[in-house]
Amino acid sequence: MLLPLCLLEGQPESIVQEIENMVRAFIEKPNCIILAVSPANQDLATSDAIKISREVDPKGERTFGVLTKIDLMDKGTDAVDILEGRAYRLQFPWIGVVNRSQQDINKSVDMIAARRRERDYFANTPEYKHLAHRMGSEHLAKSLSKHLESVIKSRIPGLQSLITKTVAELETELTRLGKPIANDAGGKLYTIMEICRMFDGIYKEHLDGVRPGGEKIYHVFDNQFPVAIKRLQFDKQLSMENVRKLITEADGYQPHLIAPEQGYRRLIESCLVSIRGPAEAAVDTVHGILKELVHKAINETH
């Protein structure tokens, strides 16, 4: 984990923060192994990698410290204090590496030769001879592989428990979904018809009272609708004075001979207009109940 310390031309000022946020998004996960890479020719106290890894992994349980550019340190200085854990202690020993220089890359020095030179550097440098057995990129790769193996082993019981739980949940879901559907068109049609028949039977049971729900419809017509009708002012509308007025107006200039049919029609129409509101409210309520019963029947159809 290396973070840029300066902006390059053309890059937005937010690039450093964006990179840091991206790094944090990965290393904050408890299963992530942190590779805190720091250059040996700079002060370790200013290392962004160490700073951030300490924040997300204060106990150092998953942080590996890697020291680069050891061969580029000023003469008379060395990184022994860091590599031996005296300058900054981690749970896992620091590992020093010597990578290819830009000149090596330009000369197409292959990785095999680079690793050989790295081994020779630690084996032949007096300050690092006693640490040579745990230095270098090859040792780093082995250490990471060994640690990854131990992490995987420690996570296996939890994974097994999670798998068992997930399998049980899926089996419950499969049981709820029912038998598998046939592949051929005839089998699919038969399955659909069976589901429709089951739904029809369950829905009818709700309406007939075998299952709950149908009594709500009875309540609408037996209580809600009559109460709303009683609130209407039919006494005024059907008073003798109003009836006489409607019949007289309906006759016009020709009085009726047998029965005032036109007057009766107007009287009935005026009453129907009055009960339209309560009737529509009752219909809407029943419609809502029927929709609710449909959803119940669907959920109960297996």
Protein backbone atom coordinates (compact mmCIF):
# COMPACT_ATOMS: atom_id res chain seq x y z
CA MET A 1 0.00 0.00 0.00
CA LEU A 2 1.77 3.13 -1.25
CA LEU A 3 0.06 6.52 -1.47
CA PRO A 4 1.27 9.40 -3.67
CA LEU A 5 2.92 12.23 -1.79
CA CYS A 6 2.62 14.84 -4.53
CA LEU A 7 0.37 15.78 -7.41
CA LEU A 8 1.34 15.18 -10.99
CA GLU A 9 0.54 17.72 -13.67
CA GLY A 10 -3.02 17.43 -14.91
CA GLN A 11 -4.30 15.49 -11.90
CA PRO A 12 -7.13 16.91 -9.77
CA GLU A 13 -6.28 18.08 -6.26
CA SER A 14 -8.62 15.45 -4.84
CA ILE A 15 -6.62 12.53 -6.29
CA VAL A 16 -4.71 11.86 -3.04
CA GLN A 17 -7.90 11.68 -0.97
CA GLU A 18 -9.62 9.56 -3.62
CA ILE A 19 -6.76 7.04 -3.62
CA GLU A 20 -6.73 6.94 0.18
CA ASN A 21 -10.50 6.34 0.26
CA MET A 22 -10.12 3.54 -2.27
CA VAL A 23 -7.36 1.91 -0.20
CA ARG A 24 -9.40 2.22 3.00
CA ALA A 25 -12.41 0.62 1.32
CA PHE A 26 -10.33 -2.56 0.91
CA ILE A 27 -8.16 -2.69 4.04
CA GLU A 28 -11.02 -1.95 6.46
CA LYS A 29 -12.45 -5.38 5.67
CA PRO A 30 -11.44 -7.81 8.47
CA ASN A 31 -10.40 -10.54 6.01
CA CYS A 32 -7.97 -8.26 4.14
CA ILE A 33 -4.21 -8.76 4.60
CA ILE A 34 -2.50 -5.36 4.70
CA LEU A 35 0.84 -4.93 2.97
CA ALA A 36 2.26 -1.71 4.46
CA VAL A 37 5.01 -0.79 2.01
CA SER A 38 7.39 1.99 3.06
CA PRO A 39 10.66 3.21 1.46
CA ALA A 40 13.74 2.80 3.65
CA ASN A 41 15.27 6.08 2.47
CA GLN A 42 12.43 8.11 4.04
CA ASP A 43 11.41 8.69 7.64
CA LEU A 44 9.11 5.87 8.77
CA ALA A 45 7.19 8.32 10.97
CA THR A 46 5.83 10.02 7.84
CA SER A 47 4.79 6.78 6.13
CA ASP A 48 1.16 6.98 4.98
CA ALA A 49 1.03 3.18 4.73
CA ILE A 50 1.98 2.74 8.41
CA LYS A 51 -0.34 5.55 9.52
CA ILE A 52 -3.43 4.16 7.76
CA SER A 53 -2.71 0.51 8.61
CA ARG A 54 -2.38 1.48 12.29
CA GLU A 55 -5.80 3.15 12.14
CA VAL A 56 -7.63 0.15 10.66
CA ASP A 57 -5.53 -2.58 12.32
CA PRO A 58 -4.27 -1.15 15.64
CA LYS A 59 -3.19 -4.58 16.95
CA GLY A 60 -1.27 -5.37 13.76
CA GLU A 61 -2.95 -8.77 13.45
CA ARG A 62 -3.12 -8.61 9.65
CA THR A 63 -0.41 -6.09 8.75
CA PHE A 64 2.88 -7.04 7.08
CA GLY A 65 5.55 -4.34 7.03
CA VAL A 66 7.60 -4.23 3.83
CA LEU A 67 10.68 -2.02 3.52
CA THR A 68 11.82 -1.10 0.01
CA LYS A 69 14.77 0.85 -1.44
CA ILE A 70 17.14 -0.45 1.23
CA ASP A 71 19.95 -0.36 -1.32
CA LEU A 72 19.33 3.36 -1.91
CA MET A 73 19.89 4.50 1.69
CA ASP A 74 22.59 7.08 2.39
CA LYS A 75 26.02 5.70 3.17
CA GLY A 76 26.57 5.17 6.86
CA THR A 77 22.88 4.44 7.48
CA ASP A 78 20.99 1.18 7.54
CA ALA A 79 17.50 -0.18 8.25
CA VAL A 80 18.45 -2.76 10.88
CA ASP A 81 16.44 -1.07 13.65
CA ILE A 82 13.33 -1.17 11.49
CA LEU A 83 13.84 -4.72 10.21
CA GLU A 84 14.46 -6.04 13.74
CA GLY A 85 11.33 -4.29 15.01
CA ARG A 86 12.99 -1.81 17.34
CA ALA A 87 11.96 1.34 15.46
CA TYR A 88 8.38 0.22 14.88
CA ARG A 89 7.17 -3.17 16.10
CA LEU A 90 4.61 -5.21 14.21
CA GLN A 91 3.13 -8.58 15.09
CA PHE A 92 4.81 -10.02 11.99
CA PRO A 93 8.54 -9.34 11.36
CA TRP A 94 9.45 -6.64 8.87
CA ILE A 95 10.60 -7.87 5.47
CA GLY A 96 13.09 -5.95 3.37
CA VAL A 97 13.10 -6.16 -0.42
CA VAL A 98 15.36 -4.86 -3.18
CA ASN A 99 13.47 -4.35 -6.41
CA ARG A 100 14.69 -3.62 -9.91
CA SER A 101 15.80 -0.06 -10.54
CA GLN A 102 14.58 1.95 -13.50
CA GLN A 103 17.92 1.26 -15.16
CA ASP A 104 17.38 -2.50 -14.70
CA ILE A 105 13.93 -2.21 -16.24
CA ASN A 106 15.32 -0.24 -19.18
CA LYS A 107 17.97 -2.94 -19.68
CA SER A 108 15.25 -5.64 -19.54
CA VAL A 109 16.74 -7.39 -16.51
CA ASP A 110 14.40 -10.34 -15.91
CA MET A 111 12.84 -11.20 -12.55
CA ILE A 112 14.98 -14.31 -12.06
CA ALA A 113 18.16 -12.27 -12.27
CA ALA A 114 16.63 -9.54 -10.10
CA ARG A 115 15.73 -12.05 -7.37
CA ARG A 116 19.25 -13.52 -7.52
CA ARG A 117 20.79 -10.05 -7.07
CA GLU A 118 18.38 -9.40 -4.20
CA ARG A 119 19.49 -12.58 -2.39
CA ASP A 120 23.15 -11.70 -2.97
CA TYR A 121 22.60 -8.18 -1.62
CA PHE A 122 21.22 -9.33 1.74
CA ALA A 123 23.68 -12.24 2.02
CA ASN A 124 26.76 -10.10 1.29
CA THR A 125 25.84 -6.85 3.06
CA PRO A 126 27.36 -6.98 6.58
CA GLU A 127 24.46 -5.12 8.23
CA TYR A 128 21.87 -7.58 6.90
CA LYS A 129 23.71 -10.92 6.83
CA HIS A 130 22.05 -12.13 10.03
CA LEU A 131 18.62 -11.25 8.60
CA ALA A 132 19.15 -12.62 5.08
CA HIS A 133 17.08 -15.77 5.77
CA ARG A 134 13.91 -13.69 6.19
CA MET A 135 14.56 -10.95 3.65
CA GLY A 136 13.62 -10.65 -0.01
CA SER A 137 10.58 -10.92 -2.25
CA GLU A 138 10.63 -14.73 -2.21
CA HIS A 139 10.42 -14.81 1.59
CA LEU A 140 7.66 -12.19 1.45
CA ALA A 141 5.63 -14.36 -0.93
CA LYS A 142 6.09 -17.44 1.29
CA SER A 143 5.13 -15.51 4.43
CA LEU A 144 2.00 -14.11 2.82
CA SER A 145 1.00 -17.54 1.48
CA LYS A 146 1.50 -19.14 4.90
CA HIS A 147 -0.50 -16.41 6.63
CA LEU A 148 -3.25 -16.59 4.02
CA GLU A 149 -3.46 -20.35 4.57
CA SER A 150 -3.84 -19.87 8.33
CA VAL A 151 -6.50 -17.18 7.79
CA ILE A 152 -8.46 -19.48 5.48
CA LYS A 153 -8.25 -22.34 8.00
CA SER A 154 -9.51 -20.08 10.79
CA ARG A 155 -12.43 -18.92 8.64
CA ILE A 156 -13.50 -22.42 7.52
CA PRO A 157 -15.70 -23.19 10.59
CA GLY A 158 -17.54 -19.90 10.16
CA LEU A 159 -17.94 -20.53 6.43
CA GLN A 160 -19.25 -24.03 7.08
CA SER A 161 -21.78 -22.65 9.55
CA LEU A 162 -22.84 -19.97 7.05
CA ILE A 163 -23.16 -22.55 4.25
CA THR A 164 -25.24 -24.86 6.46
CA LYS A 165 -27.52 -21.98 7.43
CA THR A 166 -27.87 -20.85 3.81
CA VAL A 167 -28.65 -24.39 2.63
CA ALA A 168 -31.36 -24.70 5.29
CA GLU A 169 -32.88 -21.37 4.24
CA LEU A 170 -32.83 -22.38 0.56
CA GLU A 171 -34.43 -25.74 1.34
CA THR A 172 -37.18 -23.95 3.25
CA GLU A 173 -37.67 -21.62 0.28
CA LEU A 174 -37.80 -24.58 -2.13
CA THR A 175 -40.41 -26.26 0.05
CA ARG A 176 -42.45 -23.07 0.02
CA LEU A 177 -42.18 -22.78 -3.77
CA GLY A 178 -43.47 -26.33 -4.23
CA LYS A 179 -42.70 -29.04 -6.74
CA PRO A 180 -40.55 -28.31 -9.80
CA ILE A 181 -42.32 -27.28 -12.99
CA ALA A 182 -42.21 -29.65 -15.95
CA ASN A 183 -40.09 -28.73 -18.98
CA ASP A 184 -42.61 -29.59 -21.71
CA ALA A 185 -45.46 -27.28 -22.70
CA GLY A 186 -48.15 -29.76 -21.66
CA GLY A 187 -46.63 -30.22 -18.22
CA LYS A 188 -46.34 -26.46 -17.72
CA LEU A 189 -49.97 -25.95 -18.76
CA TYR A 190 -51.09 -28.68 -16.35
CA THR A 191 -49.10 -27.06 -13.51
CA ILE A 192 -50.63 -23.65 -14.25
CA MET A 193 -54.14 -25.12 -14.29
CA GLU A 194 -53.50 -26.89 -10.98
CA ILE A 195 -52.30 -23.64 -9.41
CA CYS A 196 -55.36 -21.81 -10.75
CA ARG A 197 -57.68 -24.50 -9.36
CA MET A 198 -55.99 -24.34 -5.97
CA PHE A 199 -56.23 -20.55 -5.95
CA ASP A 200 -59.90 -20.66 -6.97
CA GLY A 201 -60.71 -23.11 -4.17
CA ILE A 202 -58.85 -21.12 -1.52
CA TYR A 203 -60.42 -17.84 -2.66
CA LYS A 204 -63.90 -19.40 -2.54
CA GLU A 205 -63.20 -20.68 0.98
CA HIS A 206 -62.41 -17.13 2.08
CA LEU A 207 -65.69 -15.89 0.62
CA ASP A 208 -67.75 -18.78 2.05
CA GLY A 209 -66.36 -18.44 5.56
CA VAL A 210 -64.22 -21.59 5.64
CA ARG A 211 -61.22 -19.25 5.86
CA PRO A 212 -61.34 -15.77 7.46
CA GLY A 213 -62.09 -12.64 5.43
CA GLY A 214 -65.52 -13.13 3.87
CA GLU A 215 -67.31 -11.86 6.98
CA LYS A 216 -65.93 -8.38 6.27
CA ILE A 217 -68.07 -8.18 3.12
CA TYR A 218 -71.17 -9.15 5.10
CA HIS A 219 -70.32 -6.45 7.64
CA VAL A 220 -70.25 -3.81 4.89
CA PHE A 221 -73.77 -4.61 3.65
CA ASP A 222 -75.25 -5.46 7.05
CA ASN A 223 -73.82 -2.55 9.04
CA GLN A 224 -71.79 0.04 7.15
CA PHE A 225 -74.16 0.55 4.20
CA PRO A 226 -77.43 0.63 6.24
CA VAL A 227 -75.91 3.10 8.72
CA ALA A 228 -74.90 5.37 5.84
CA ILE A 229 -78.42 5.11 4.34
CA LYS A 230 -80.03 6.01 7.65
CA ARG A 231 -77.96 9.19 7.79
CA LEU A 232 -79.63 10.43 4.58
CA GLN A 233 -82.59 12.82 4.95
CA PHE A 234 -85.23 10.63 3.30
CA ASP A 235 -87.93 11.94 5.67
CA LYS A 236 -87.64 15.35 4.08
CA GLN A 237 -87.27 13.95 0.57
CA LEU A 238 -90.33 11.66 0.91
CA SER A 239 -92.52 14.09 2.81
CA MET A 240 -96.05 14.52 1.48
CA GLU A 241 -95.33 18.09 0.51
CA ASN A 242 -92.25 17.13 -1.54
CA VAL A 243 -94.01 14.14 -3.13
CA ARG A 244 -96.99 16.30 -4.10
CA LYS A 245 -94.66 18.92 -5.56
CA LEU A 246 -92.70 16.41 -7.67
CA ILE A 247 -95.88 14.74 -8.99
CA THR A 248 -97.49 18.06 -9.82
CA GLU A 249 -94.38 19.32 -11.62
CA ALA A 250 -94.12 16.06 -13.57
CA ASP A 251 -97.70 16.38 -14.88
CA GLY A 252 -96.99 19.66 -16.57
CA TYR A 253 -100.07 21.24 -18.12
CA GLN A 254 -101.81 17.83 -18.56
CA PRO A 255 -103.01 16.21 -15.35
CA HIS A 256 -102.56 12.43 -15.04
CA LEU A 257 -105.52 10.16 -15.65
CA ILE A 258 -104.60 6.95 -13.78
CA ALA A 259 -101.21 7.08 -11.97
CA PRO A 260 -98.56 9.82 -11.90
CA GLU A 261 -95.87 7.61 -13.51
CA GLN A 262 -93.57 10.48 -14.46
CA GLY A 263 -93.74 11.87 -10.95
CA TYR A 264 -92.92 8.50 -9.43
CA ARG A 265 -89.92 8.20 -11.74
CA ARG A 266 -88.57 11.58 -10.67
CA LEU A 267 -89.13 10.71 -7.04
CA ILE A 268 -87.22 7.43 -7.41
CA GLU A 269 -84.42 9.12 -9.37
CA SER A 270 -83.94 11.75 -6.66
CA CYS A 271 -83.68 8.99 -4.03
CA LEU A 272 -81.18 7.05 -6.15
CA VAL A 273 -79.02 10.16 -6.51
CA SER A 274 -79.00 10.51 -2.72
CA ILE A 275 -77.86 6.95 -2.05
CA ARG A 276 -75.23 6.96 -4.81
CA GLY A 277 -72.46 8.22 -2.50
CA PRO A 278 -72.95 5.59 0.25
CA ALA A 279 -73.41 2.87 -2.40
CA GLU A 280 -70.15 3.75 -4.16
CA ALA A 281 -68.34 3.90 -0.80
CA ALA A 282 -69.65 0.41 0.01
CA VAL A 283 -68.54 -0.88 -3.40
CA ASP A 284 -65.05 0.60 -2.92
CA THR A 285 -64.78 -1.01 0.52
CA VAL A 286 -65.86 -4.40 -0.81
CA HIS A 287 -63.43 -4.04 -3.72
CA GLY A 288 -60.59 -3.42 -1.26
CA ILE A 289 -61.61 -6.47 0.79
CA LEU A 290 -61.73 -8.65 -2.34
CA LYS A 291 -58.24 -7.49 -3.37
CA GLU A 292 -56.97 -8.30 0.12
CA LEU A 293 -58.51 -11.78 -0.11
CA VAL A 294 -56.87 -12.27 -3.52
CA HIS A 295 -53.44 -11.54 -2.03
CA LYS A 296 -54.15 -13.89 0.88
CA ALA A 297 -55.27 -16.64 -1.48
CA ILE A 298 -52.13 -16.18 -3.61
CA ASN A 299 -49.87 -16.46 -0.56
CA GLU A 300 -51.74 -19.56 0.61
CA THR A 301 -51.57 -21.27 -2.79
CA HIS A 302 -48.66 -23.75 -2.84
